[in-house]
N, C-alpha and C. Protein backbone atom coordinates (compact mmCIF):
# COMPACT_ATOMS: atom_id res chain seq x y z
N MET A 1 -47.00 -24.59 -23.94
CA MET A 1 -47.38 -24.09 -22.63
C MET A 1 -47.73 -22.62 -22.79
N SER A 2 -48.89 -22.22 -22.25
CA SER A 2 -49.33 -20.83 -22.38
C SER A 2 -48.73 -19.99 -21.26
N LYS A 3 -48.89 -18.67 -21.42
CA LYS A 3 -48.38 -17.75 -20.40
C LYS A 3 -49.08 -17.99 -19.06
N ALA A 4 -50.35 -18.30 -19.14
CA ALA A 4 -51.12 -18.54 -17.91
C ALA A 4 -50.59 -19.77 -17.18
N ASP A 5 -50.24 -20.84 -17.96
CA ASP A 5 -49.72 -22.05 -17.33
C ASP A 5 -48.36 -21.79 -16.69
N SER A 6 -47.47 -21.03 -17.39
CA SER A 6 -46.15 -20.77 -16.82
C SER A 6 -46.25 -19.87 -15.60
N ALA A 7 -47.18 -18.94 -15.59
CA ALA A 7 -47.38 -18.09 -14.42
C ALA A 7 -47.86 -18.93 -13.25
N LYS A 8 -48.76 -19.93 -13.55
CA LYS A 8 -49.28 -20.81 -12.51
C LYS A 8 -48.13 -21.64 -11.92
N ASP A 9 -47.17 -22.12 -12.78
CA ASP A 9 -46.03 -22.91 -12.31
C ASP A 9 -45.13 -22.06 -11.42
N ASN A 10 -44.89 -20.79 -11.79
CA ASN A 10 -44.05 -19.90 -10.99
C ASN A 10 -44.67 -19.66 -9.62
N GLU A 11 -46.02 -19.54 -9.59
CA GLU A 11 -46.69 -19.32 -8.31
C GLU A 11 -46.58 -20.56 -7.43
N GLN A 12 -46.53 -21.74 -8.06
CA GLN A 12 -46.50 -22.96 -7.30
C GLN A 12 -45.09 -23.30 -6.78
N THR A 13 -44.03 -22.63 -7.31
CA THR A 13 -42.68 -22.89 -6.84
C THR A 13 -42.58 -22.39 -5.40
N PRO A 14 -42.20 -23.25 -4.48
CA PRO A 14 -42.13 -22.85 -3.08
C PRO A 14 -41.05 -21.77 -2.85
N VAL A 15 -41.30 -20.94 -1.87
CA VAL A 15 -40.39 -19.87 -1.51
C VAL A 15 -39.03 -20.44 -1.09
N VAL A 16 -39.04 -21.59 -0.47
CA VAL A 16 -37.80 -22.22 -0.01
C VAL A 16 -36.90 -22.55 -1.19
N GLU A 17 -37.47 -23.08 -2.27
CA GLU A 17 -36.68 -23.41 -3.45
C GLU A 17 -36.06 -22.16 -4.05
N LYS A 18 -36.81 -21.06 -4.11
CA LYS A 18 -36.30 -19.80 -4.65
C LYS A 18 -35.13 -19.30 -3.79
N ALA A 19 -35.28 -19.39 -2.48
CA ALA A 19 -34.22 -18.94 -1.58
C ALA A 19 -32.95 -19.78 -1.78
N ALA A 20 -33.11 -21.08 -2.00
CA ALA A 20 -31.96 -21.96 -2.22
C ALA A 20 -31.25 -21.59 -3.52
N LYS A 21 -32.03 -21.28 -4.57
CA LYS A 21 -31.43 -20.87 -5.84
C LYS A 21 -30.63 -19.58 -5.67
N VAL A 22 -31.18 -18.62 -4.94
CA VAL A 22 -30.50 -17.35 -4.71
C VAL A 22 -29.21 -17.58 -3.91
N ALA A 23 -29.27 -18.45 -2.89
CA ALA A 23 -28.08 -18.73 -2.08
C ALA A 23 -26.99 -19.38 -2.93
N ASP A 24 -27.37 -20.35 -3.80
CA ASP A 24 -26.39 -20.98 -4.68
C ASP A 24 -25.75 -19.96 -5.61
N ASN A 25 -26.56 -19.06 -6.13
CA ASN A 25 -26.06 -18.03 -7.04
C ASN A 25 -25.08 -17.10 -6.31
N ASN A 26 -25.40 -16.72 -5.08
CA ASN A 26 -24.50 -15.85 -4.31
C ASN A 26 -23.17 -16.53 -4.03
N GLU A 27 -23.20 -17.83 -3.68
CA GLU A 27 -21.97 -18.56 -3.41
C GLU A 27 -21.09 -18.64 -4.65
N ALA A 28 -21.71 -18.76 -5.81
CA ALA A 28 -20.94 -18.83 -7.06
C ALA A 28 -20.22 -17.52 -7.35
N HIS A 29 -20.75 -16.42 -6.84
CA HIS A 29 -20.16 -15.10 -7.12
C HIS A 29 -19.24 -14.60 -6.00
N GLU A 30 -19.13 -15.35 -4.92
CA GLU A 30 -18.24 -14.92 -3.84
C GLU A 30 -16.79 -15.16 -4.23
N HIS A 31 -15.93 -14.21 -3.89
CA HIS A 31 -14.50 -14.33 -4.18
C HIS A 31 -13.73 -14.28 -2.87
N HIS A 32 -12.73 -15.12 -2.77
CA HIS A 32 -11.87 -15.12 -1.59
C HIS A 32 -10.46 -14.76 -2.04
N PHE A 33 -9.90 -13.71 -1.46
CA PHE A 33 -8.58 -13.25 -1.85
C PHE A 33 -7.57 -13.55 -0.75
N GLU A 34 -6.44 -14.06 -1.15
CA GLU A 34 -5.36 -14.33 -0.21
C GLU A 34 -4.42 -13.14 -0.24
N GLU A 35 -4.00 -12.67 0.93
CA GLU A 35 -3.05 -11.57 0.99
C GLU A 35 -1.80 -12.01 1.71
N ALA A 36 -0.66 -11.58 1.18
CA ALA A 36 0.62 -11.95 1.79
C ALA A 36 1.21 -10.80 2.58
N ASN A 37 0.65 -9.60 2.42
CA ASN A 37 1.20 -8.45 3.14
C ASN A 37 0.07 -7.72 3.84
N ALA A 38 0.37 -6.56 4.37
CA ALA A 38 -0.62 -5.80 5.13
C ALA A 38 -1.55 -5.03 4.21
N GLY A 39 -1.54 -5.35 2.92
CA GLY A 39 -2.43 -4.69 2.00
C GLY A 39 -1.83 -3.44 1.38
N ALA A 40 -0.58 -3.17 1.65
CA ALA A 40 0.06 -1.99 1.08
C ALA A 40 0.24 -2.18 -0.42
N ALA A 41 0.02 -1.12 -1.15
CA ALA A 41 0.16 -1.18 -2.60
C ALA A 41 1.64 -1.21 -2.98
N LEU A 42 1.93 -1.85 -4.11
CA LEU A 42 3.31 -1.89 -4.60
C LEU A 42 3.71 -0.55 -5.19
N THR A 43 2.73 0.18 -5.75
CA THR A 43 3.01 1.48 -6.36
C THR A 43 1.90 2.46 -6.00
N TYR A 44 2.15 3.73 -6.29
CA TYR A 44 1.12 4.75 -6.14
C TYR A 44 1.27 5.74 -7.30
N PRO A 45 0.18 6.38 -7.72
CA PRO A 45 0.27 7.29 -8.87
C PRO A 45 0.81 8.66 -8.47
N MET A 46 1.53 9.29 -9.40
CA MET A 46 2.03 10.64 -9.20
C MET A 46 2.04 11.35 -10.54
N GLN A 47 1.68 12.62 -10.55
CA GLN A 47 1.69 13.37 -11.80
C GLN A 47 3.13 13.48 -12.29
N CYS A 48 3.32 13.26 -13.57
CA CYS A 48 4.65 13.20 -14.16
C CYS A 48 5.47 14.47 -13.87
N SER A 49 4.80 15.63 -13.88
CA SER A 49 5.52 16.89 -13.64
C SER A 49 6.03 17.00 -12.21
N ALA A 50 5.52 16.16 -11.29
CA ALA A 50 5.97 16.19 -9.89
C ALA A 50 7.17 15.30 -9.63
N LEU A 51 7.58 14.51 -10.63
CA LEU A 51 8.76 13.66 -10.46
C LEU A 51 10.01 14.52 -10.32
N ARG A 52 10.99 14.04 -9.58
CA ARG A 52 12.24 14.77 -9.39
C ARG A 52 13.43 13.84 -9.59
N LYS A 53 14.55 14.44 -9.93
CA LYS A 53 15.79 13.68 -10.06
C LYS A 53 16.10 13.04 -8.70
N ASN A 54 16.62 11.82 -8.72
CA ASN A 54 16.91 11.00 -7.53
C ASN A 54 15.64 10.44 -6.87
N GLY A 55 14.48 10.67 -7.47
CA GLY A 55 13.25 10.06 -7.00
C GLY A 55 13.09 8.70 -7.67
N PHE A 56 11.95 8.05 -7.43
CA PHE A 56 11.72 6.73 -7.99
C PHE A 56 10.53 6.76 -8.94
N VAL A 57 10.54 5.88 -9.94
CA VAL A 57 9.46 5.73 -10.90
C VAL A 57 9.49 4.31 -11.45
N VAL A 58 8.33 3.80 -11.87
CA VAL A 58 8.28 2.49 -12.50
C VAL A 58 8.49 2.68 -14.00
N MET A 59 9.51 2.03 -14.54
CA MET A 59 9.81 2.10 -15.98
C MET A 59 9.89 0.68 -16.50
N LYS A 60 9.12 0.38 -17.54
CA LYS A 60 9.09 -0.96 -18.15
C LYS A 60 8.78 -2.03 -17.09
N GLY A 61 7.94 -1.68 -16.11
CA GLY A 61 7.54 -2.63 -15.07
C GLY A 61 8.56 -2.85 -13.98
N ARG A 62 9.63 -2.05 -13.96
CA ARG A 62 10.70 -2.23 -12.97
C ARG A 62 10.85 -0.96 -12.12
N PRO A 63 11.18 -1.09 -10.81
CA PRO A 63 11.42 0.09 -9.98
C PRO A 63 12.76 0.73 -10.35
N CYS A 64 12.74 2.03 -10.67
CA CYS A 64 13.94 2.73 -11.11
C CYS A 64 14.15 4.02 -10.34
N LYS A 65 15.41 4.41 -10.23
CA LYS A 65 15.78 5.70 -9.66
C LYS A 65 16.04 6.65 -10.81
N ILE A 66 15.44 7.84 -10.76
CA ILE A 66 15.59 8.81 -11.85
C ILE A 66 16.96 9.45 -11.76
N ILE A 67 17.74 9.35 -12.85
CA ILE A 67 19.08 9.94 -12.85
C ILE A 67 19.15 11.20 -13.71
N ASP A 68 18.17 11.38 -14.62
CA ASP A 68 18.16 12.57 -15.46
C ASP A 68 16.74 12.81 -15.94
N MET A 69 16.34 14.07 -16.00
CA MET A 69 15.03 14.39 -16.57
C MET A 69 15.02 15.79 -17.15
N SER A 70 14.20 15.96 -18.18
CA SER A 70 14.06 17.27 -18.82
C SER A 70 12.61 17.44 -19.26
N THR A 71 12.17 18.70 -19.33
CA THR A 71 10.80 19.01 -19.72
C THR A 71 10.84 19.83 -21.00
N SER A 72 10.04 19.42 -21.99
CA SER A 72 9.95 20.19 -23.23
C SER A 72 8.76 21.14 -23.12
N LYS A 73 8.81 22.23 -23.87
CA LYS A 73 7.71 23.19 -23.86
C LYS A 73 6.53 22.62 -24.63
N THR A 74 5.37 23.22 -24.38
CA THR A 74 4.18 22.76 -25.08
C THR A 74 4.30 23.08 -26.56
N GLY A 75 3.73 22.21 -27.39
CA GLY A 75 3.68 22.46 -28.83
C GLY A 75 2.47 23.32 -29.14
N LYS A 76 2.22 23.50 -30.41
CA LYS A 76 1.10 24.34 -30.85
C LYS A 76 -0.23 23.82 -30.29
N HIS A 77 -0.43 22.50 -30.32
CA HIS A 77 -1.68 21.93 -29.83
C HIS A 77 -1.45 20.85 -28.78
N GLY A 78 -0.28 20.77 -28.21
CA GLY A 78 0.02 19.64 -27.34
C GLY A 78 0.31 20.03 -25.91
N HIS A 79 0.75 19.03 -25.18
CA HIS A 79 1.11 19.20 -23.77
C HIS A 79 2.63 19.22 -23.64
N ALA A 80 3.11 19.78 -22.53
CA ALA A 80 4.54 19.70 -22.22
C ALA A 80 4.86 18.23 -21.98
N LYS A 81 6.01 17.80 -22.40
CA LYS A 81 6.43 16.40 -22.23
C LYS A 81 7.61 16.36 -21.27
N VAL A 82 7.64 15.31 -20.47
CA VAL A 82 8.75 15.09 -19.55
C VAL A 82 9.51 13.87 -20.04
N LYS A 83 10.81 14.03 -20.27
CA LYS A 83 11.66 12.92 -20.67
C LYS A 83 12.53 12.59 -19.47
N TYR A 84 12.54 11.32 -19.08
CA TYR A 84 13.34 10.94 -17.91
C TYR A 84 14.10 9.65 -18.18
N THR A 85 15.26 9.56 -17.53
CA THR A 85 16.13 8.39 -17.62
C THR A 85 16.26 7.82 -16.22
N GLY A 86 16.13 6.51 -16.12
CA GLY A 86 16.22 5.88 -14.81
C GLY A 86 17.09 4.64 -14.85
N VAL A 87 17.56 4.25 -13.66
CA VAL A 87 18.38 3.05 -13.51
C VAL A 87 17.63 2.11 -12.57
N ASP A 88 17.45 0.85 -13.01
CA ASP A 88 16.79 -0.16 -12.19
C ASP A 88 17.53 -0.28 -10.87
N ILE A 89 16.80 -0.18 -9.75
CA ILE A 89 17.45 -0.16 -8.44
C ILE A 89 18.01 -1.52 -8.04
N PHE A 90 17.62 -2.59 -8.75
CA PHE A 90 18.13 -3.92 -8.42
C PHE A 90 19.15 -4.44 -9.43
N THR A 91 18.95 -4.15 -10.72
CA THR A 91 19.84 -4.72 -11.74
C THR A 91 20.82 -3.70 -12.32
N GLY A 92 20.53 -2.40 -12.17
CA GLY A 92 21.39 -1.38 -12.74
C GLY A 92 21.11 -1.10 -14.21
N ALA A 93 20.09 -1.76 -14.79
CA ALA A 93 19.75 -1.54 -16.20
C ALA A 93 19.21 -0.12 -16.38
N LYS A 94 19.55 0.51 -17.50
CA LYS A 94 19.17 1.89 -17.77
C LYS A 94 17.96 1.94 -18.70
N TYR A 95 16.98 2.78 -18.38
CA TYR A 95 15.77 2.93 -19.18
C TYR A 95 15.49 4.40 -19.47
N ASP A 96 14.90 4.67 -20.64
CA ASP A 96 14.45 6.01 -21.01
C ASP A 96 12.95 5.96 -21.23
N ASP A 97 12.26 7.06 -20.88
CA ASP A 97 10.83 7.12 -21.11
C ASP A 97 10.41 8.57 -21.28
N MET A 98 9.24 8.78 -21.87
CA MET A 98 8.70 10.12 -22.07
C MET A 98 7.21 10.05 -21.82
N SER A 99 6.67 11.09 -21.17
CA SER A 99 5.25 11.11 -20.84
C SER A 99 4.77 12.56 -20.79
N PRO A 100 3.50 12.82 -21.16
CA PRO A 100 2.96 14.18 -20.99
C PRO A 100 3.01 14.58 -19.52
N SER A 101 3.34 15.83 -19.25
CA SER A 101 3.55 16.27 -17.86
C SER A 101 2.29 16.19 -17.02
N THR A 102 1.11 16.19 -17.65
CA THR A 102 -0.14 16.15 -16.89
C THR A 102 -0.61 14.73 -16.60
N HIS A 103 0.02 13.72 -17.18
CA HIS A 103 -0.38 12.33 -16.96
C HIS A 103 0.23 11.77 -15.68
N ASN A 104 -0.44 10.76 -15.13
CA ASN A 104 0.08 10.09 -13.94
C ASN A 104 0.99 8.93 -14.33
N VAL A 105 2.03 8.73 -13.55
CA VAL A 105 2.92 7.58 -13.70
C VAL A 105 2.94 6.84 -12.37
N ASP A 106 3.35 5.58 -12.40
CA ASP A 106 3.44 4.79 -11.17
C ASP A 106 4.78 5.04 -10.49
N VAL A 107 4.73 5.23 -9.18
CA VAL A 107 5.92 5.39 -8.36
C VAL A 107 5.97 4.21 -7.40
N PRO A 108 7.08 3.48 -7.35
CA PRO A 108 7.14 2.30 -6.47
C PRO A 108 7.31 2.70 -5.00
N ASN A 109 6.71 1.92 -4.12
CA ASN A 109 6.99 2.07 -2.69
C ASN A 109 8.33 1.38 -2.44
N VAL A 110 9.30 2.14 -1.97
CA VAL A 110 10.65 1.62 -1.74
C VAL A 110 10.93 1.69 -0.24
N LYS A 111 11.37 0.57 0.33
CA LYS A 111 11.68 0.49 1.76
C LYS A 111 13.12 0.04 1.93
N ARG A 112 13.83 0.70 2.81
CA ARG A 112 15.23 0.39 3.08
C ARG A 112 15.36 0.04 4.56
N ASP A 113 15.89 -1.17 4.85
CA ASP A 113 16.04 -1.63 6.23
C ASP A 113 17.46 -2.15 6.46
N ASP A 114 17.95 -1.96 7.68
CA ASP A 114 19.26 -2.50 8.07
C ASP A 114 19.05 -3.74 8.94
N TYR A 115 19.84 -4.78 8.67
CA TYR A 115 19.80 -6.03 9.42
C TYR A 115 21.21 -6.40 9.85
N THR A 116 21.30 -7.10 10.98
CA THR A 116 22.58 -7.63 11.44
C THR A 116 22.79 -8.98 10.76
N LEU A 117 23.98 -9.18 10.21
CA LEU A 117 24.30 -10.45 9.54
C LEU A 117 24.63 -11.50 10.61
N ILE A 118 23.90 -12.62 10.56
CA ILE A 118 24.12 -13.71 11.50
C ILE A 118 24.99 -14.80 10.88
N ASN A 119 24.71 -15.11 9.61
CA ASN A 119 25.43 -16.20 8.95
C ASN A 119 25.32 -16.06 7.44
N VAL A 120 26.29 -16.66 6.74
CA VAL A 120 26.25 -16.78 5.29
C VAL A 120 26.36 -18.26 4.98
N ALA A 121 25.33 -18.81 4.30
CA ALA A 121 25.34 -20.25 3.99
C ALA A 121 24.57 -20.52 2.70
N ASP A 122 25.13 -21.36 1.86
CA ASP A 122 24.48 -21.81 0.62
C ASP A 122 24.02 -20.66 -0.28
N GLY A 123 24.78 -19.56 -0.29
CA GLY A 123 24.44 -18.43 -1.15
C GLY A 123 23.34 -17.54 -0.61
N PHE A 124 22.93 -17.74 0.64
CA PHE A 124 21.90 -16.90 1.26
C PHE A 124 22.43 -16.27 2.54
N LEU A 125 21.85 -15.11 2.89
CA LEU A 125 22.24 -14.40 4.10
C LEU A 125 21.22 -14.70 5.19
N ALA A 126 21.68 -14.97 6.39
CA ALA A 126 20.81 -15.09 7.56
C ALA A 126 20.92 -13.75 8.28
N LEU A 127 19.80 -13.04 8.37
CA LEU A 127 19.79 -11.69 8.91
C LEU A 127 18.84 -11.59 10.10
N MET A 128 19.12 -10.59 10.98
CA MET A 128 18.25 -10.35 12.13
C MET A 128 17.98 -8.85 12.23
N ASN A 129 16.70 -8.48 12.43
CA ASN A 129 16.38 -7.06 12.59
C ASN A 129 16.50 -6.66 14.06
N GLU A 130 16.20 -5.38 14.34
CA GLU A 130 16.37 -4.85 15.71
C GLU A 130 15.48 -5.54 16.73
N SER A 131 14.31 -6.05 16.30
CA SER A 131 13.40 -6.69 17.25
C SER A 131 13.70 -8.18 17.43
N GLY A 132 14.74 -8.69 16.75
CA GLY A 132 15.16 -10.07 16.94
C GLY A 132 14.57 -11.06 15.95
N ASP A 133 13.75 -10.58 15.02
CA ASP A 133 13.18 -11.47 14.00
C ASP A 133 14.24 -11.80 12.96
N THR A 134 14.27 -13.07 12.53
CA THR A 134 15.28 -13.47 11.55
C THR A 134 14.68 -13.57 10.16
N LYS A 135 15.56 -13.44 9.18
CA LYS A 135 15.18 -13.47 7.77
C LYS A 135 16.29 -14.23 7.06
N GLU A 136 15.93 -15.29 6.34
CA GLU A 136 16.95 -16.12 5.71
C GLU A 136 16.73 -16.31 4.22
N ASP A 137 15.95 -15.40 3.59
CA ASP A 137 15.60 -15.57 2.18
C ASP A 137 16.25 -14.54 1.25
N ILE A 138 17.23 -13.81 1.76
CA ILE A 138 17.93 -12.82 0.94
C ILE A 138 19.18 -13.47 0.35
N LYS A 139 19.30 -13.41 -0.98
CA LYS A 139 20.46 -14.02 -1.63
C LYS A 139 21.71 -13.19 -1.38
N LEU A 140 22.83 -13.88 -1.28
CA LEU A 140 24.12 -13.21 -1.21
C LEU A 140 24.32 -12.50 -2.55
N PRO A 141 24.56 -11.18 -2.55
CA PRO A 141 24.72 -10.47 -3.82
C PRO A 141 25.90 -11.02 -4.63
N GLU A 142 25.78 -10.92 -5.95
CA GLU A 142 26.88 -11.35 -6.81
C GLU A 142 27.89 -10.22 -6.93
N GLY A 143 29.08 -10.57 -7.34
CA GLY A 143 30.10 -9.56 -7.60
C GLY A 143 30.85 -9.11 -6.35
N GLU A 144 31.36 -7.90 -6.43
CA GLU A 144 32.23 -7.36 -5.39
C GLU A 144 31.55 -7.26 -4.02
N LEU A 145 30.29 -6.82 -4.00
CA LEU A 145 29.57 -6.68 -2.73
C LEU A 145 29.44 -8.03 -2.02
N GLY A 146 29.07 -9.06 -2.76
CA GLY A 146 28.94 -10.40 -2.17
C GLY A 146 30.26 -10.93 -1.64
N GLU A 147 31.32 -10.71 -2.42
CA GLU A 147 32.65 -11.16 -1.98
C GLU A 147 33.09 -10.42 -0.72
N THR A 148 32.83 -9.12 -0.66
CA THR A 148 33.19 -8.32 0.52
C THR A 148 32.43 -8.79 1.75
N ILE A 149 31.12 -9.01 1.60
CA ILE A 149 30.31 -9.49 2.73
C ILE A 149 30.85 -10.81 3.25
N GLU A 150 31.13 -11.74 2.33
CA GLU A 150 31.62 -13.06 2.74
C GLU A 150 32.98 -12.98 3.42
N SER A 151 33.91 -12.24 2.85
CA SER A 151 35.26 -12.17 3.41
C SER A 151 35.28 -11.45 4.76
N GLU A 152 34.52 -10.36 4.90
CA GLU A 152 34.51 -9.65 6.19
C GLU A 152 33.78 -10.44 7.26
N PHE A 153 32.73 -11.19 6.88
CA PHE A 153 32.04 -12.04 7.85
C PHE A 153 32.96 -13.16 8.31
N ASP A 154 33.70 -13.77 7.35
CA ASP A 154 34.65 -14.84 7.69
C ASP A 154 35.78 -14.33 8.57
N ALA A 155 36.10 -13.02 8.44
CA ALA A 155 37.16 -12.42 9.26
C ALA A 155 36.66 -12.09 10.67
N GLY A 156 35.38 -12.35 10.93
CA GLY A 156 34.85 -12.14 12.28
C GLY A 156 34.26 -10.77 12.53
N LYS A 157 34.10 -9.97 11.50
CA LYS A 157 33.53 -8.64 11.70
C LYS A 157 32.01 -8.74 11.82
N GLU A 158 31.44 -7.87 12.68
CA GLU A 158 29.98 -7.78 12.82
C GLU A 158 29.49 -6.79 11.77
N LEU A 159 28.62 -7.25 10.85
CA LEU A 159 28.20 -6.42 9.72
C LEU A 159 26.72 -6.07 9.77
N LEU A 160 26.40 -4.86 9.28
CA LEU A 160 25.03 -4.45 9.04
C LEU A 160 24.81 -4.51 7.54
N ILE A 161 23.73 -5.17 7.13
CA ILE A 161 23.40 -5.31 5.72
C ILE A 161 22.17 -4.45 5.43
N THR A 162 22.24 -3.61 4.41
CA THR A 162 21.10 -2.79 4.00
C THR A 162 20.32 -3.55 2.93
N VAL A 163 19.03 -3.77 3.20
CA VAL A 163 18.16 -4.49 2.28
C VAL A 163 17.12 -3.53 1.72
N LEU A 164 17.03 -3.49 0.39
CA LEU A 164 16.07 -2.64 -0.30
C LEU A 164 14.90 -3.52 -0.73
N THR A 165 13.66 -3.06 -0.47
CA THR A 165 12.46 -3.81 -0.82
C THR A 165 11.57 -2.92 -1.67
N SER A 166 11.15 -3.42 -2.84
CA SER A 166 10.24 -2.68 -3.71
C SER A 166 9.56 -3.63 -4.68
N MET A 167 8.27 -3.46 -4.86
CA MET A 167 7.47 -4.24 -5.82
C MET A 167 7.66 -5.75 -5.64
N GLY A 168 7.75 -6.20 -4.40
CA GLY A 168 7.86 -7.62 -4.11
C GLY A 168 9.25 -8.19 -4.26
N ILE A 169 10.24 -7.34 -4.53
CA ILE A 169 11.62 -7.80 -4.70
C ILE A 169 12.43 -7.29 -3.52
N GLU A 170 13.29 -8.15 -2.98
CA GLU A 170 14.20 -7.76 -1.89
C GLU A 170 15.62 -8.10 -2.30
N ALA A 171 16.55 -7.20 -1.98
CA ALA A 171 17.95 -7.47 -2.30
C ALA A 171 18.85 -6.71 -1.34
N ALA A 172 19.98 -7.34 -1.00
CA ALA A 172 21.00 -6.67 -0.20
C ALA A 172 21.75 -5.74 -1.14
N ILE A 173 21.83 -4.45 -0.77
CA ILE A 173 22.45 -3.48 -1.66
C ILE A 173 23.71 -2.84 -1.08
N ALA A 174 23.92 -3.02 0.24
CA ALA A 174 25.11 -2.40 0.86
C ALA A 174 25.43 -3.13 2.15
N GLN A 175 26.67 -2.94 2.61
CA GLN A 175 27.09 -3.49 3.89
C GLN A 175 28.01 -2.49 4.56
N ARG A 176 28.03 -2.52 5.88
CA ARG A 176 28.98 -1.69 6.63
C ARG A 176 29.21 -2.38 7.97
N GLU A 177 30.31 -2.03 8.58
CA GLU A 177 30.64 -2.63 9.87
C GLU A 177 29.71 -2.05 10.94
N ALA A 178 29.20 -2.92 11.80
CA ALA A 178 28.29 -2.49 12.86
C ALA A 178 29.04 -1.62 13.85
N PRO A 179 28.41 -0.54 14.34
CA PRO A 179 29.07 0.31 15.33
C PRO A 179 29.29 -0.44 16.64
N ARG A 180 30.41 -0.18 17.26
CA ARG A 180 30.72 -0.81 18.56
C ARG A 180 29.88 -0.14 19.64
N SER A 181 29.25 -0.96 20.50
CA SER A 181 28.43 -0.37 21.55
C SER A 181 29.06 -0.45 22.90
């Protein structure tokens, strides 16, 4: 087939067929994303030199609270380095990391909310926020905190449970007796 013949074939292709091909191609490239939250990011960047003790940072992919940090002076040809130690806010695991002070690190968005305890059943807490919405997907914490929550609830005390949320993880981290109104 010569160039003239192929050009003649292209001219003979109806505009409708070309439009259909373009539409099919566009549909193949369309992406649909499902969102489970309001679009808030799990983390945000912060310059390493701006981190502070008792602040939060992502270490080894986990949200951590900084418990110690130190800055080294610049070397002959290098940058100042920041060495920081953090504790995982959910597991208590300890991590160490070092980064140039001018580089960005991820800082987790951490949210702390208080809920009224409604019930304890099957290892989960039934909680209610101030607007009356219930939440039943928080596990009863293991160890002393879980035992205290269960025993004080069984004793008839009205409890407030503090729930920490970060990077898609939620956990009850504290309890206290609700104030009498």
